[in-house]
Amino acid sequence: MTVVVTTYNHARFLSEALESVFRQTRQPDEVIVVDDGSDDSPEEVTALYPRARLIRQENQGLSAARNTGLQAARGTFVLFLDADDRLTPIALETHLERFAAAPACAFVYGAYRLVGALPGGARDVALRKPGKDPYAGFLEGNLVGMHGTVLYRRTALSAKGGFDSSLRACEDYDVYLRLAREHPVACGPEIVAEYRQHGSNMSGDLALMLSSAEAVLEKQKEWASTRPHWEVARRRGLKRWADYYAAVALGKAKAQYSTGVPPLKIVRRAMPMLAKAPATMARIAVERGSRKSAGLARARFPRTVKWAQTAVGRMRHAGFALRGTDPVSTNFGFDRGRPIDRRYIEQFLSANAEEIRGTVLEIGDTTYTNRFGANRIVRAEAFHRYPGHEGAAFWGDLSGDHNLPENRFDCIVFTQTLHLIFDMAKAIDALHRALKPGGSLLVTVPWVSPIDRGEWGNDWYWSISEGALRRLLSGPFVPDEVALESHGNTLAASAFLYGFADHEIRTGQLDVKDPCCPVIVAAVARKAS
């Protein structure tokens, strides 16, 4: 097992870091110190520890320093510790026990403690677990929080090429995502490291951290798009990172104001974040601001506060005016939360969950099947347009060549897909043949919707009314066995076109149904017994 300690002008902390490494209840097999072009003589500190090997390089950044340590490491496992942080004595032993219990993992991690310039002393940070789908969990946020809490299987990390040196920050978050999408991840509640907070932490540059987190999630876009719930998680992650760093920036500004820092200086310090995420900063300020701070803000910046309150009011209470031609989201609202059409789709599936039973087919993947089918499912299978798609047992063109068997499925979950097929009648006929006698087709289609700006844009053929869907289904299905419904209204449709998420509109307004202007149309169609 190898511990790599990276340092750049942190020689004043290096001794404490090395002491914590050599106080382990399970000693490392090798300790490597990588000096990334420091000016403060870390070699003098390293010389005090004969078991530590020093590697020096010109300044190339933290990722490059870690990669240097990774290339030099010979242990089966490797841990990276920044010179200004410390391990607790049980760290390595705890990690090895976790790997022994979960040998398929690419990395394991534990909890950590904040130390340094903190009011009230040190503070333990609660562990965030990865859940059943670690990749989805990491898309929504950095579950680790502190890199020193992580022990990697060296071969797994090396196989992924180590750390991305093009990233100025969040290179560890990038690695977690690349590993979690292919390997299990395990963690435990033990405090295994101490994160020292001081004036020169890289995490203090909020605009840089937000830009880096966004860049990391942008790198995952292609992979995440292969499963709808991954893409939803990725978009939630983008929103949560923006909200988090905006809230931190506002908290710092509030603390500075309370200590008498001149407002102009506060604004100058916050300018990078204001330039990076002005709308998010304004929304968080209004949502979280106290009456006192809101009053001070109105007195000093009345026009800005009025604009922010108006913007938030539009988003949260659907009192928005239709101004401008640009949507607030070009991704159906995924980057703001749950899209409005998804709210209606999930309401429809929840109301008809008893139909999702036995052997079930779903388009794309089996996310909705597993979510709403519960213990009624015997087998869940997926259909994709193209062969070779992960998890899809069936593929092809539903209106042409495909490998769907006949009389196989008790239920088919067919959401927001029919409009992408030019010959819809043939597709409906193929689904009807694939159902067992008495089986159910749960179908939803868009009536009002933006056209996808990505991969499905060129195949977005139709907008389907309730009358059109009834006529399509009444071909192979017995009309008496078809039940149709519509969801949405003019306000919901307008908000969806602009890209607002469902939580930004009042629930009562979303629940109003206007059959002349729905967002989606849905149907349950049963094959004759």
Foldseek 3Di string as FASTA:
>chain_A
DEEEEEEAQVLVQQLQAVVQQCLAPDHDPAYEYEYQQHPPCNVVSVVVPVRYHYDYDHHQADQVSVVVVLVPDDDQKYAYHYSNKHWHRHQVVVQVVVCVVPVQAQKEFEWAKEAAPDVPGIGTDFQADCPPQNLLSLLQHPRRPDRRRMMGRSVLCVVVVGFDSVQNDCSVSLSSNVRSNPTDYYYYHDHTMYDYDDDPDPVVPLLSVLVRQLVSLVVCCVVQVLAVSSLLSNLNNNLVSLLVSLVVLVVVLVVCVVVPDDNVVSCVVCVSNCVRCVLSNLQSCVVPPDPVVLVVCCVVPVVSNVVSVLVLCCQAAVPDDPDDDAFPDLALQSNVHAHLVVVVLLVLCQVVLVLLAEEEEEESACVSSCVSVPPRYPHYAYEYQDPPRPRHPWYHQLLDDIDQAFQAGQEYEAEACLQLHPPSLSNLVSVLRNHHAFHKYKYKHFQQADARPDDSNVSRHDRAAPVRVLVSNVPQFPSVQKDKDFFADPSSSVNSHSNRHPNRYDPVRRRDDDSVDGGMMIMMTTHHD
